[in-house]
Amino acid sequence: MNVAAAAETCDDVLDEIGTAVIGAEDLFETILTAVVGQGHVLLEDVPGTGKTLTARSLATALDLEFTRIQFTPDLLPADITGTHIYDEHAGEFSFEAGPIFANVVLADEINRAPPKTQAALLEAMGERQVSIGGETRELPDPFIVIATQNPVEQEGTFPLPEAQVDRFMIKTKMGYPDRDGDLELLDRRADRHSRTPTVESIVDRTSVLDLQAVPETISVDPAIRAYLVDVCRATREDDRVDVGISPRGLQRLFEASRARAVLAGREYVAPEDVHTVVHPVLDHRIVLTTEAAVRGVDPRTIVEGAVNSVPVPSMGD
């Protein structure tokens, strides 16, 4: 699959998702950027904004196996990864795969599960495998985790540790639709008999794998690479920051920039690709000092300051 075909495929997928979910197009582009870049997504917003529907619609449009895990305080790691079940007739244990063994896994309200259960996702997200009973089992390819969390009603929840938040390539918010969007939502609901809208499959699993291979062909000029490095390093030098962007975060910014260039139909990364993904990729990786957190400093301002402090490379012919 070449870049032009990949960009056309992405447009078709975005159009199909838009038939089911009311939302800003740039939000869906951000989520699809993570999919193309083989990353994971963390959606944070209040209930009822379409997070679950977005994840399900994306999986259907890509014709991928989808599972939903409702995270609760009593959820155990084995409930996610699976466990060995004793078969009385065979006289031996057999492995029963958990819901993690799917192409698109929706971890719904991930912050409601205890840290031990949250950690069950760490190996899966980072290594695309799980270790159970001394055995390592590969996860399906592609493998995408879309986690959601509710920023309100924090009583009884377990905030994600920085190590796990860093596993997500992108963190973004759904947001409320505008007035026209709310009206369109009701118009769509009035014209169908089912409560949940449906989407059609646009591509198959093989095409998704081909699509994810396209960013590896995107060229990144040395000046753009230096720009990425300097922006990330600038976050580490800010006095308000306790932990700046890690080398992993730098790599994710590089990968997301290439994926965004694919969506734009370009064979190279331009500065606007970096600027489009810089906040969804970097903001959630900033760990503020205690003083800055008390003063209510927004990590977005840290990243914005880093971007503004580094000269943007000019693009030649």
Protein backbone atom coordinates (compact mmCIF):
# COMPACT_ATOMS: atom_id res chain seq x y z
CA MET A 1 0.00 0.00 0.00
CA ASN A 2 1.43 3.40 -0.99
CA VAL A 3 0.89 6.70 0.78
CA ALA A 4 -1.88 7.90 -1.53
CA ALA A 5 -3.86 4.68 -1.10
CA ALA A 6 -3.31 4.79 2.66
CA ALA A 7 -4.58 8.39 2.88
CA GLU A 8 -7.67 7.47 0.84
CA THR A 9 -8.33 4.47 3.10
CA CYS A 10 -8.04 6.68 6.19
CA ASP A 11 -10.51 9.17 4.72
CA ASP A 12 -13.00 6.37 4.06
CA VAL A 13 -12.64 5.06 7.62
CA LEU A 14 -13.10 8.54 9.08
CA ASP A 15 -16.21 9.11 6.97
CA GLU A 16 -17.69 5.81 8.13
CA ILE A 17 -17.03 6.55 11.80
CA GLY A 18 -18.65 9.95 11.30
CA THR A 19 -21.89 8.28 10.27
CA ALA A 20 -22.22 6.79 13.76
CA VAL A 21 -20.51 9.24 16.12
CA ILE A 22 -21.14 12.97 16.38
CA GLY A 23 -17.84 14.65 17.03
CA ALA A 24 -15.07 16.82 15.70
CA GLU A 25 -13.27 15.39 12.68
CA ASP A 26 -9.87 16.28 14.12
CA LEU A 27 -10.64 14.08 17.14
CA PHE A 28 -11.26 11.04 14.95
CA GLU A 29 -8.12 11.88 12.98
CA THR A 30 -6.13 11.94 16.22
CA ILE A 31 -7.44 8.51 17.25
CA LEU A 32 -6.80 7.05 13.80
CA THR A 33 -3.28 8.50 13.91
CA ALA A 34 -2.57 6.28 16.90
CA VAL A 35 -3.97 3.24 15.08
CA VAL A 36 -1.85 3.90 11.98
CA GLY A 37 1.18 4.51 14.22
CA GLN A 38 0.58 1.22 16.11
CA GLY A 39 -0.08 3.05 19.37
CA HIS A 40 -2.71 3.02 22.10
CA VAL A 41 -5.29 5.67 23.00
CA LEU A 42 -6.53 7.07 26.32
CA LEU A 43 -9.88 8.87 26.10
CA GLU A 44 -10.80 11.02 29.07
CA ASP A 45 -14.18 12.69 29.33
CA VAL A 46 -17.48 12.71 31.19
CA PRO A 47 -19.99 9.89 30.62
CA GLY A 48 -22.24 9.96 27.58
CA THR A 49 -19.90 11.67 25.12
CA GLY A 50 -19.49 8.64 22.82
CA LYS A 51 -16.21 7.12 23.96
CA THR A 52 -17.41 3.51 23.82
CA LEU A 53 -19.30 4.04 20.57
CA THR A 54 -16.20 5.57 18.99
CA ALA A 55 -14.05 2.57 19.93
CA ARG A 56 -16.63 0.07 18.71
CA SER A 57 -17.23 1.96 15.47
CA LEU A 58 -13.50 2.14 14.78
CA ALA A 59 -13.10 -1.62 15.27
CA THR A 60 -16.05 -2.34 12.99
CA ALA A 61 -14.85 0.02 10.26
CA LEU A 62 -11.45 -1.72 10.34
CA ASP A 63 -13.11 -5.18 10.51
CA LEU A 64 -11.15 -6.08 13.64
CA GLU A 65 -12.12 -8.29 16.58
CA PHE A 66 -13.41 -6.11 19.40
CA THR A 67 -13.75 -6.78 23.12
CA ARG A 68 -14.88 -4.52 25.94
CA ILE A 69 -13.62 -4.91 29.50
CA GLN A 70 -15.53 -3.06 32.20
CA PHE A 71 -12.94 -2.17 34.83
CA THR A 72 -14.30 -2.41 38.38
CA PRO A 73 -12.67 -2.47 41.84
CA ASP A 74 -13.06 -6.27 42.08
CA LEU A 75 -11.59 -7.03 38.63
CA LEU A 76 -8.60 -9.41 38.79
CA PRO A 77 -5.63 -9.64 36.38
CA ALA A 78 -6.75 -13.13 35.33
CA ASP A 79 -10.10 -11.64 34.30
CA ILE A 80 -8.17 -9.72 31.63
CA THR A 81 -5.39 -12.06 30.54
CA GLY A 82 -7.13 -15.40 31.01
CA THR A 83 -6.31 -18.41 33.18
CA HIS A 84 -5.79 -22.17 33.19
CA ILE A 85 -8.92 -24.25 33.73
CA TYR A 86 -8.78 -27.86 34.92
CA ASP A 87 -10.50 -30.29 32.54
CA GLU A 88 -11.76 -33.25 34.59
CA HIS A 89 -12.31 -35.43 31.52
CA ALA A 90 -8.84 -34.86 30.08
CA GLY A 91 -7.21 -34.75 33.51
CA GLU A 92 -5.16 -31.68 32.63
CA PHE A 93 -5.25 -27.89 32.66
CA SER A 94 -6.18 -26.00 29.50
CA PHE A 95 -5.76 -22.30 28.86
CA GLU A 96 -8.85 -20.14 28.51
CA ALA A 97 -7.94 -16.86 26.84
CA GLY A 98 -9.16 -13.63 28.41
CA PRO A 99 -10.67 -10.65 26.61
CA ILE A 100 -7.21 -9.14 26.08
CA PHE A 101 -6.81 -11.52 23.14
CA ALA A 102 -8.50 -9.29 20.57
CA ASN A 103 -7.44 -6.73 17.98
CA VAL A 104 -9.17 -3.75 19.59
CA VAL A 105 -9.58 -3.87 23.38
CA LEU A 106 -11.73 -1.26 25.08
CA ALA A 107 -10.61 -0.83 28.69
CA ASP A 108 -13.68 1.02 29.94
CA GLU A 109 -13.19 3.24 33.01
CA ILE A 110 -9.69 1.88 33.52
CA ASN A 111 -9.11 4.02 36.62
CA ARG A 112 -11.81 2.13 38.56
CA ALA A 113 -9.65 -1.02 38.81
CA PRO A 114 -6.87 -1.40 41.40
CA PRO A 115 -3.21 -0.93 40.37
CA LYS A 116 -2.51 -4.68 40.23
CA THR A 117 -5.22 -5.13 37.61
CA GLN A 118 -4.17 -2.01 35.71
CA ALA A 119 -0.65 -3.43 35.58
CA ALA A 120 -1.97 -6.49 33.73
CA LEU A 121 -2.16 -4.22 30.70
CA LEU A 122 1.44 -2.97 30.95
CA GLU A 123 3.15 -5.96 29.35
CA ALA A 124 0.36 -6.32 26.81
CA MET A 125 0.60 -2.69 25.71
CA GLY A 126 4.38 -2.53 25.72
CA GLU A 127 5.38 -5.97 24.46
CA ARG A 128 2.16 -7.14 22.76
CA GLN A 129 2.28 -10.34 24.77
CA VAL A 130 1.15 -11.67 28.14
CA SER A 131 2.86 -14.05 30.57
CA ILE A 132 0.52 -16.53 32.24
CA GLY A 133 1.53 -19.53 34.31
CA GLY A 134 5.15 -19.29 33.19
CA GLU A 135 4.17 -19.18 29.52
CA THR A 136 4.40 -16.22 27.17
CA ARG A 137 1.55 -15.86 24.70
CA GLU A 138 1.55 -13.52 21.74
CA LEU A 139 -1.39 -11.18 21.27
CA PRO A 140 -3.21 -10.78 17.95
CA ASP A 141 -1.78 -8.43 15.35
CA PRO A 142 -2.81 -5.65 15.13
CA PHE A 143 -3.33 -4.99 18.84
CA ILE A 144 -4.81 -1.69 19.99
CA VAL A 145 -5.92 -0.66 23.47
CA ILE A 146 -8.44 2.15 23.76
CA ALA A 147 -8.87 3.02 27.42
CA THR A 148 -11.41 5.43 28.86
CA GLN A 149 -11.55 7.19 32.17
CA ASN A 150 -14.02 9.50 33.82
CA PRO A 151 -12.47 12.74 35.15
CA VAL A 152 -15.36 13.23 37.61
CA GLU A 153 -16.49 11.02 40.49
CA GLN A 154 -12.92 10.31 41.56
CA GLU A 155 -13.93 8.79 44.92
CA GLY A 156 -13.04 5.10 44.92
CA THR A 157 -10.89 5.30 41.80
CA PHE A 158 -7.20 4.53 41.31
CA PRO A 159 -5.38 7.17 39.23
CA LEU A 160 -3.16 5.66 36.56
CA PRO A 161 0.53 5.78 37.53
CA GLU A 162 2.86 7.74 35.27
CA ALA A 163 4.45 4.49 34.02
CA GLN A 164 1.15 3.30 32.62
CA VAL A 165 -0.01 6.63 31.24
CA ASP A 166 3.27 6.74 29.33
CA ARG A 167 2.25 3.54 27.50
CA PHE A 168 -0.45 5.44 25.62
CA MET A 169 0.74 7.08 22.43
CA ILE A 170 -2.13 9.55 22.55
CA LYS A 171 -4.41 10.99 25.21
CA THR A 172 -7.34 13.11 24.13
CA LYS A 173 -10.86 14.18 25.06
CA MET A 174 -14.14 13.66 23.26
CA GLY A 175 -15.75 16.91 24.31
CA TYR A 176 -19.37 17.98 23.91
CA PRO A 177 -20.75 18.48 20.40
CA ASP A 178 -21.84 21.98 19.42
CA ARG A 179 -25.52 22.91 19.11
CA ASP A 180 -25.71 21.74 15.50
CA GLY A 181 -24.13 18.46 16.55
CA ASP A 182 -26.72 17.94 19.28
CA LEU A 183 -29.51 18.60 16.77
CA GLU A 184 -27.96 16.18 14.27
CA LEU A 185 -27.74 13.57 17.03
CA LEU A 186 -31.49 13.79 17.63
CA ASP A 187 -32.26 13.80 13.91
CA ARG A 188 -30.27 10.60 13.45
CA ARG A 189 -31.95 8.97 16.43
CA ALA A 190 -35.40 9.85 15.10
CA ASP A 191 -34.66 8.25 11.72
CA ARG A 192 -33.66 4.80 13.01
CA HIS A 193 -35.35 2.14 15.11
CA SER A 194 -32.27 0.91 17.03
CA ARG A 195 -30.75 2.89 19.87
CA THR A 196 -27.18 2.26 18.68
CA PRO A 197 -26.08 3.30 15.17
CA THR A 198 -24.18 0.85 12.99
CA VAL A 199 -21.20 1.20 10.67
CA GLU A 200 -19.89 -0.90 7.81
CA SER A 201 -16.46 -2.48 7.45
CA ILE A 202 -14.22 -0.44 5.15
CA VAL A 203 -11.09 -2.59 5.14
CA ASP A 204 -10.04 -6.01 6.43
CA ARG A 205 -7.36 -7.08 8.90
CA THR A 206 -4.72 -7.57 6.20
CA SER A 207 -5.32 -4.06 4.87
CA VAL A 208 -4.98 -2.65 8.39
CA LEU A 209 -1.58 -4.32 8.74
CA ASP A 210 -0.57 -2.89 5.36
CA LEU A 211 -1.79 0.52 6.50
CA GLN A 212 0.31 0.33 9.66
CA ALA A 213 3.40 -0.45 7.58
CA VAL A 214 3.12 2.74 5.50
CA PRO A 215 4.56 5.14 8.15
CA GLU A 216 7.85 3.23 7.94
CA THR A 217 8.19 4.56 4.38
CA ILE A 218 7.69 8.20 5.40
CA SER A 219 10.87 10.25 5.28
CA VAL A 220 11.82 12.56 8.15
CA ASP A 221 14.35 15.26 7.34
CA PRO A 222 17.28 15.58 9.78
CA ALA A 223 16.11 19.11 10.59
CA ILE A 224 12.70 17.77 11.63
CA ARG A 225 14.34 15.06 13.72
CA ALA A 226 16.44 17.67 15.49
CA TYR A 227 13.29 19.73 16.02
CA LEU A 228 11.56 16.79 17.73
CA VAL A 229 14.58 16.22 19.97
CA ASP A 230 14.90 19.89 20.97
CA VAL A 231 11.20 20.23 21.79
CA CYS A 232 11.29 17.17 24.05
CA ARG A 233 14.52 18.26 25.72
CA ALA A 234 13.06 21.71 26.38
CA THR A 235 10.36 20.15 28.56
CA ARG A 236 13.04 18.60 30.78
CA GLU A 237 14.67 21.98 31.38
CA ASP A 238 11.50 23.71 32.60
CA ASP A 239 11.68 24.52 36.33
CA ARG A 240 8.01 23.58 36.75
CA VAL A 241 8.61 20.05 35.51
CA ASP A 242 9.71 17.18 37.71
CA VAL A 243 9.83 14.60 34.89
CA GLY A 244 9.98 15.77 31.30
CA ILE A 245 9.48 13.85 28.07
CA SER A 246 11.25 10.50 28.18
CA PRO A 247 13.06 8.83 25.25
CA ARG A 248 9.94 6.69 24.80
CA GLY A 249 7.86 9.85 24.51
CA LEU A 250 10.28 11.20 21.89
CA GLN A 251 9.90 8.01 19.86
CA ARG A 252 6.11 8.16 20.11
CA LEU A 253 6.16 11.76 18.86
CA PHE A 254 8.31 10.64 15.93
CA GLU A 255 5.96 7.74 15.13
CA ALA A 256 2.80 9.83 15.50
CA SER A 257 4.24 12.55 13.23
CA ARG A 258 4.91 9.97 10.53
CA ALA A 259 1.42 8.51 10.93
CA ARG A 260 -0.12 11.98 10.69
CA ALA A 261 1.79 12.56 7.44
CA VAL A 262 0.16 9.39 6.08
CA LEU A 263 -3.31 10.73 6.90
CA ALA A 264 -2.36 13.95 5.09
CA GLY A 265 -1.19 11.97 2.05
CA ARG A 266 2.42 13.19 2.27
CA GLU A 267 5.53 11.07 1.83
CA TYR A 268 7.45 13.23 4.31
CA VAL A 269 6.86 14.77 7.74
CA ALA A 270 6.20 18.50 7.73
CA PRO A 271 6.26 20.82 10.78
CA GLU A 272 2.44 20.98 10.72
CA ASP A 273 2.31 17.22 11.27
CA VAL A 274 4.37 17.64 14.43
CA HIS A 275 2.23 20.55 15.64
CA THR A 276 -0.96 18.56 15.07
CA VAL A 277 0.09 15.66 17.29
CA VAL A 278 2.44 17.31 19.79
CA HIS A 279 -0.18 17.97 22.48
CA PRO A 280 -2.05 14.62 22.30
CA VAL A 281 1.31 12.82 22.43
CA LEU A 282 3.25 14.87 24.98
CA ASP A 283 0.87 16.60 27.42
CA HIS A 284 0.03 13.50 29.45
CA ARG A 285 3.71 12.59 29.84
CA ILE A 286 4.61 15.74 31.78
CA VAL A 287 5.00 15.27 35.56
CA LEU A 288 4.85 18.61 37.35
CA THR A 289 6.70 19.57 40.50
CA THR A 290 4.61 19.68 43.65
CA GLU A 291 4.67 23.47 43.68
CA ALA A 292 3.54 23.68 40.04
CA ALA A 293 0.76 21.16 40.64
CA VAL A 294 -0.49 23.13 43.64
CA ARG A 295 -0.50 26.31 41.57
CA GLY A 296 -2.61 24.52 38.95
CA VAL A 297 -0.11 24.68 36.11
CA ASP A 298 -1.48 23.01 32.98
CA PRO A 299 0.97 20.56 31.33
CA ARG A 300 -0.29 21.87 27.99
CA THR A 301 1.35 25.22 28.73
CA ILE A 302 4.65 23.43 29.39
CA VAL A 303 4.54 21.72 26.00
CA GLU A 304 3.37 24.90 24.28
CA GLY A 305 6.29 26.78 25.80
CA ALA A 306 8.72 24.10 24.64
CA VAL A 307 7.33 24.25 21.10
CA ASN A 308 7.56 28.05 21.02
CA SER A 309 11.13 28.03 22.35
CA VAL A 310 12.49 25.97 19.45
CA PRO A 311 12.76 27.53 15.96
CA VAL A 312 10.59 25.74 13.42
CA PRO A 313 12.70 24.29 10.60
CA SER A 314 11.97 25.65 7.15
CA MET A 315 10.92 23.19 4.48
CA GLY A 316 12.80 23.41 1.21
CA ASP A 317 11.73 22.01 -2.11
